[in-house]
Amino acid sequence: MFKVTQNGKNRLDIELSGKLDSAQMRTALKELEEKSKGIDKGKMLYDVIEFHLPSLQAIVIEFSHLPSMFGLIRRFTKAAVLTDKTWIKKVSEFEGALIPGLEIRAFSREQREEAEIWLESLQQD
């Protein structure tokens, strides 16, 4: 499951659980694109409940949307990732180091309040 919820003017909350197939990936990316329109200097809160690698077909769909995803990512400056998996925390923060202008921090799922506070804190420019 991939659920995108608008949380205020410049924030999206994304809930990810289970394994995505190609149809679910296509729908998820479309929903993410639609709900991020008009966002500037936005924030995202990813709640990774139970992660399974997507199907090969879903990965192909994701790669086919890379150009639009790069444009979408530029709308955001911060992302907090809630997960209980150490490797997802490390990959998330590494990804943040690779994407200019986007700071990503990972938190344990029980640290939701700290993640929310960090998302709302002012950025150091």
C-alpha atoms as a PDB file:
ATOM      1  CA  MET A   1       0.000   0.000   0.000  1.00  0.00           C
ATOM      2  CA  PHE A   2       1.145   3.504  -0.843  1.00  0.00           C
ATOM      3  CA  LYS A   3      -1.074   6.257   0.536  1.00  0.00           C
ATOM      4  CA  VAL A   4      -0.450   9.987   0.028  1.00  0.00           C
ATOM      5  CA  THR A   5      -2.256  12.502   2.254  1.00  0.00           C
ATOM      6  CA  GLN A   6      -1.986  16.276   2.102  1.00  0.00           C
ATOM      7  CA  ASN A   7      -1.203  17.647   5.549  1.00  0.00           C
ATOM      8  CA  GLY A   8      -1.423  21.410   5.268  1.00  0.00           C
ATOM      9  CA  LYS A   9      -0.361  23.659   2.427  1.00  0.00           C
ATOM     10  CA  ASN A  10       3.198  22.391   1.883  1.00  0.00           C
ATOM     11  CA  ARG A  11       3.333  18.929   3.362  1.00  0.00           C
ATOM     12  CA  LEU A  12       2.598  15.418   2.207  1.00  0.00           C
ATOM     13  CA  ASP A  13       2.348  12.404   4.479  1.00  0.00           C
ATOM     14  CA  ILE A  14       3.139   9.119   2.767  1.00  0.00           C
ATOM     15  CA  GLU A  15       2.353   5.720   4.208  1.00  0.00           C
ATOM     16  CA  LEU A  16       4.123   2.728   2.720  1.00  0.00           C
ATOM     17  CA  SER A  17       3.501  -0.884   3.608  1.00  0.00           C
ATOM     18  CA  GLY A  18       3.678  -4.227   1.883  1.00  0.00           C
ATOM     19  CA  LYS A  19       4.902  -4.879  -1.631  1.00  0.00           C
ATOM     20  CA  LEU A  20       3.975  -2.716  -4.619  1.00  0.00           C
ATOM     21  CA  ASP A  21       3.206  -4.275  -7.985  1.00  0.00           C
ATOM     22  CA  SER A  22       3.356  -2.336 -11.276  1.00  0.00           C
ATOM     23  CA  ALA A  23      -0.275  -1.134 -11.152  1.00  0.00           C
ATOM     24  CA  GLN A  24       0.085   0.065  -7.563  1.00  0.00           C
ATOM     25  CA  MET A  25       3.380   1.801  -8.391  1.00  0.00           C
ATOM     26  CA  ARG A  26       1.820   3.587 -11.372  1.00  0.00           C
ATOM     27  CA  THR A  27      -1.106   4.745  -9.207  1.00  0.00           C
ATOM     28  CA  ALA A  28       1.182   5.792  -6.347  1.00  0.00           C
ATOM     29  CA  LEU A  29       3.464   7.877  -8.547  1.00  0.00           C
ATOM     30  CA  LYS A  30       0.490   9.548 -10.228  1.00  0.00           C
ATOM     31  CA  GLU A  31      -1.042  10.376  -6.847  1.00  0.00           C
ATOM     32  CA  LEU A  32       2.284  11.726  -5.586  1.00  0.00           C
ATOM     33  CA  GLU A  33       2.659  13.936  -8.663  1.00  0.00           C
ATOM     34  CA  GLU A  34      -0.909  15.253  -8.426  1.00  0.00           C
ATOM     35  CA  LYS A  35      -0.836  16.000  -4.704  1.00  0.00           C
ATOM     36  CA  SER A  36       2.557  17.736  -4.887  1.00  0.00           C
ATOM     37  CA  LYS A  37       1.482  20.260  -7.546  1.00  0.00           C
ATOM     38  CA  GLY A  38       1.739  23.782  -6.225  1.00  0.00           C
ATOM     39  CA  ILE A  39       3.984  22.838  -3.318  1.00  0.00           C
ATOM     40  CA  ASP A  40       7.042  25.032  -2.785  1.00  0.00           C
ATOM     41  CA  LYS A  41       9.671  24.378  -0.106  1.00  0.00           C
ATOM     42  CA  GLY A  42       7.581  21.449   0.991  1.00  0.00           C
ATOM     43  CA  LYS A  43       8.021  18.729   3.556  1.00  0.00           C
ATOM     44  CA  MET A  44       7.292  15.010   3.480  1.00  0.00           C
ATOM     45  CA  LEU A  45       6.732  12.509   6.251  1.00  0.00           C
ATOM     46  CA  TYR A  46       7.243   8.900   5.114  1.00  0.00           C
ATOM     47  CA  ASP A  47       5.881   6.242   7.430  1.00  0.00           C
ATOM     48  CA  VAL A  48       7.399   2.941   6.335  1.00  0.00           C
ATOM     49  CA  ILE A  49       5.283   0.406   8.182  1.00  0.00           C
ATOM     50  CA  GLU A  50       6.369  -2.839   6.592  1.00  0.00           C
ATOM     51  CA  PHE A  51       8.622  -2.645   3.589  1.00  0.00           C
ATOM     52  CA  HIS A  52       9.031  -5.261   0.906  1.00  0.00           C
ATOM     53  CA  LEU A  53      11.003  -4.646  -2.251  1.00  0.00           C
ATOM     54  CA  PRO A  54       8.664  -3.746  -5.117  1.00  0.00           C
ATOM     55  CA  SER A  55       8.150  -6.178  -7.965  1.00  0.00           C
ATOM     56  CA  LEU A  56      10.513  -5.943 -10.937  1.00  0.00           C
ATOM     57  CA  GLN A  57       7.685  -4.508 -13.058  1.00  0.00           C
ATOM     58  CA  ALA A  58       7.053  -1.846 -10.389  1.00  0.00           C
ATOM     59  CA  ILE A  59      10.728  -0.871 -10.453  1.00  0.00           C
ATOM     60  CA  VAL A  60      10.553  -0.517 -14.249  1.00  0.00           C
ATOM     61  CA  ILE A  61       7.531   1.791 -13.829  1.00  0.00           C
ATOM     62  CA  GLU A  62       9.406   3.819 -11.221  1.00  0.00           C
ATOM     63  CA  PHE A  63      12.440   4.236 -13.493  1.00  0.00           C
ATOM     64  CA  SER A  64      10.207   5.304 -16.378  1.00  0.00           C
ATOM     65  CA  HIS A  65       8.933   8.155 -14.175  1.00  0.00           C
ATOM     66  CA  LEU A  66      12.399   9.354 -13.082  1.00  0.00           C
ATOM     67  CA  PRO A  67      12.359  12.621 -15.080  1.00  0.00           C
ATOM     68  CA  SER A  68       9.080  13.744 -13.517  1.00  0.00           C
ATOM     69  CA  MET A  69      10.215  12.504 -10.088  1.00  0.00           C
ATOM     70  CA  PHE A  70      13.293  14.755 -10.218  1.00  0.00           C
ATOM     71  CA  GLY A  71      11.011  17.727 -10.872  1.00  0.00           C
ATOM     72  CA  LEU A  72       8.739  16.657  -8.047  1.00  0.00           C
ATOM     73  CA  ILE A  73      11.602  16.265  -5.563  1.00  0.00           C
ATOM     74  CA  ARG A  74      12.690  19.879  -6.200  1.00  0.00           C
ATOM     75  CA  ARG A  75       9.415  21.012  -4.632  1.00  0.00           C
ATOM     76  CA  PHE A  76      10.570  19.684  -1.261  1.00  0.00           C
ATOM     77  CA  THR A  77      13.318  20.726   1.149  1.00  0.00           C
ATOM     78  CA  LYS A  78      12.825  18.236   3.999  1.00  0.00           C
ATOM     79  CA  ALA A  79      11.725  14.653   4.393  1.00  0.00           C
ATOM     80  CA  ALA A  80      11.417  12.626   7.574  1.00  0.00           C
ATOM     81  CA  VAL A  81      11.376   8.851   7.285  1.00  0.00           C
ATOM     82  CA  LEU A  82       9.800   6.777  10.035  1.00  0.00           C
ATOM     83  CA  THR A  83      10.999   3.177  10.036  1.00  0.00           C
ATOM     84  CA  ASP A  84      12.151   0.450  12.369  1.00  0.00           C
ATOM     85  CA  LYS A  85      14.604  -0.970   9.828  1.00  0.00           C
ATOM     86  CA  THR A  86      18.188   0.234  10.270  1.00  0.00           C
ATOM     87  CA  TRP A  87      19.063  -0.331   6.612  1.00  0.00           C
ATOM     88  CA  ILE A  88      16.123   1.847   5.459  1.00  0.00           C
ATOM     89  CA  LYS A  89      17.294   4.624   7.793  1.00  0.00           C
ATOM     90  CA  LYS A  90      20.807   4.469   6.337  1.00  0.00           C
ATOM     91  CA  VAL A  91      19.624   4.323   2.719  1.00  0.00           C
ATOM     92  CA  SER A  92      17.221   7.235   3.306  1.00  0.00           C
ATOM     93  CA  GLU A  93      19.885   9.491   4.766  1.00  0.00           C
ATOM     94  CA  PHE A  94      22.369   8.488   2.053  1.00  0.00           C
ATOM     95  CA  GLU A  95      19.750   9.363  -0.564  1.00  0.00           C
ATOM     96  CA  GLY A  96      19.347  12.763   1.095  1.00  0.00           C
ATOM     97  CA  ALA A  97      23.081  13.360   0.710  1.00  0.00           C
ATOM     98  CA  LEU A  98      22.770  12.698  -3.030  1.00  0.00           C
ATOM     99  CA  ILE A  99      19.816  15.001  -3.715  1.00  0.00           C
ATOM    100  CA  PRO A 100      20.754  18.691  -3.682  1.00  0.00           C
ATOM    101  CA  GLY A 101      18.356  20.865  -1.706  1.00  0.00           C
ATOM    102  CA  LEU A 102      16.610  17.982   0.062  1.00  0.00           C
ATOM    103  CA  GLU A 103      17.480  17.084   3.637  1.00  0.00           C
ATOM    104  CA  ILE A 104      16.330  13.638   4.728  1.00  0.00           C
ATOM    105  CA  ARG A 105      16.414  12.410   8.306  1.00  0.00           C
ATOM    106  CA  ALA A 106      15.383   8.982   9.503  1.00  0.00           C
ATOM    107  CA  PHE A 107      13.612   8.287  12.773  1.00  0.00           C
ATOM    108  CA  SER A 108      12.292   5.181  14.499  1.00  0.00           C
ATOM    109  CA  ARG A 109       8.536   4.808  14.158  1.00  0.00           C
ATOM    110  CA  GLU A 110       8.057   5.584  17.856  1.00  0.00           C
ATOM    111  CA  GLN A 111       9.867   8.908  17.297  1.00  0.00           C
ATOM    112  CA  ARG A 112       7.023  10.389  15.234  1.00  0.00           C
ATOM    113  CA  GLU A 113       6.746  13.442  17.517  1.00  0.00           C
ATOM    114  CA  GLU A 114      10.462  14.217  17.123  1.00  0.00           C
ATOM    115  CA  ALA A 115      10.160  13.816  13.347  1.00  0.00           C
ATOM    116  CA  GLU A 116       7.204  16.229  13.278  1.00  0.00           C
ATOM    117  CA  ILE A 117       9.146  18.799  15.337  1.00  0.00           C
ATOM    118  CA  TRP A 118      12.160  18.485  13.035  1.00  0.00           C
ATOM    119  CA  LEU A 119       9.990  18.892   9.929  1.00  0.00           C
ATOM    120  CA  GLU A 120       8.517  22.113  11.302  1.00  0.00           C
ATOM    121  CA  SER A 121      11.848  23.556  12.476  1.00  0.00           C
ATOM    122  CA  LEU A 122      13.453  26.319  10.463  1.00  0.00           C
ATOM    123  CA  GLN A 123      16.141  25.261   8.044  1.00  0.00           C
ATOM    124  CA  GLN A 124      19.700  26.487   8.256  1.00  0.00           C
ATOM    125  CA  ASP A 125      20.442  28.102   4.877  1.00  0.00           C
END
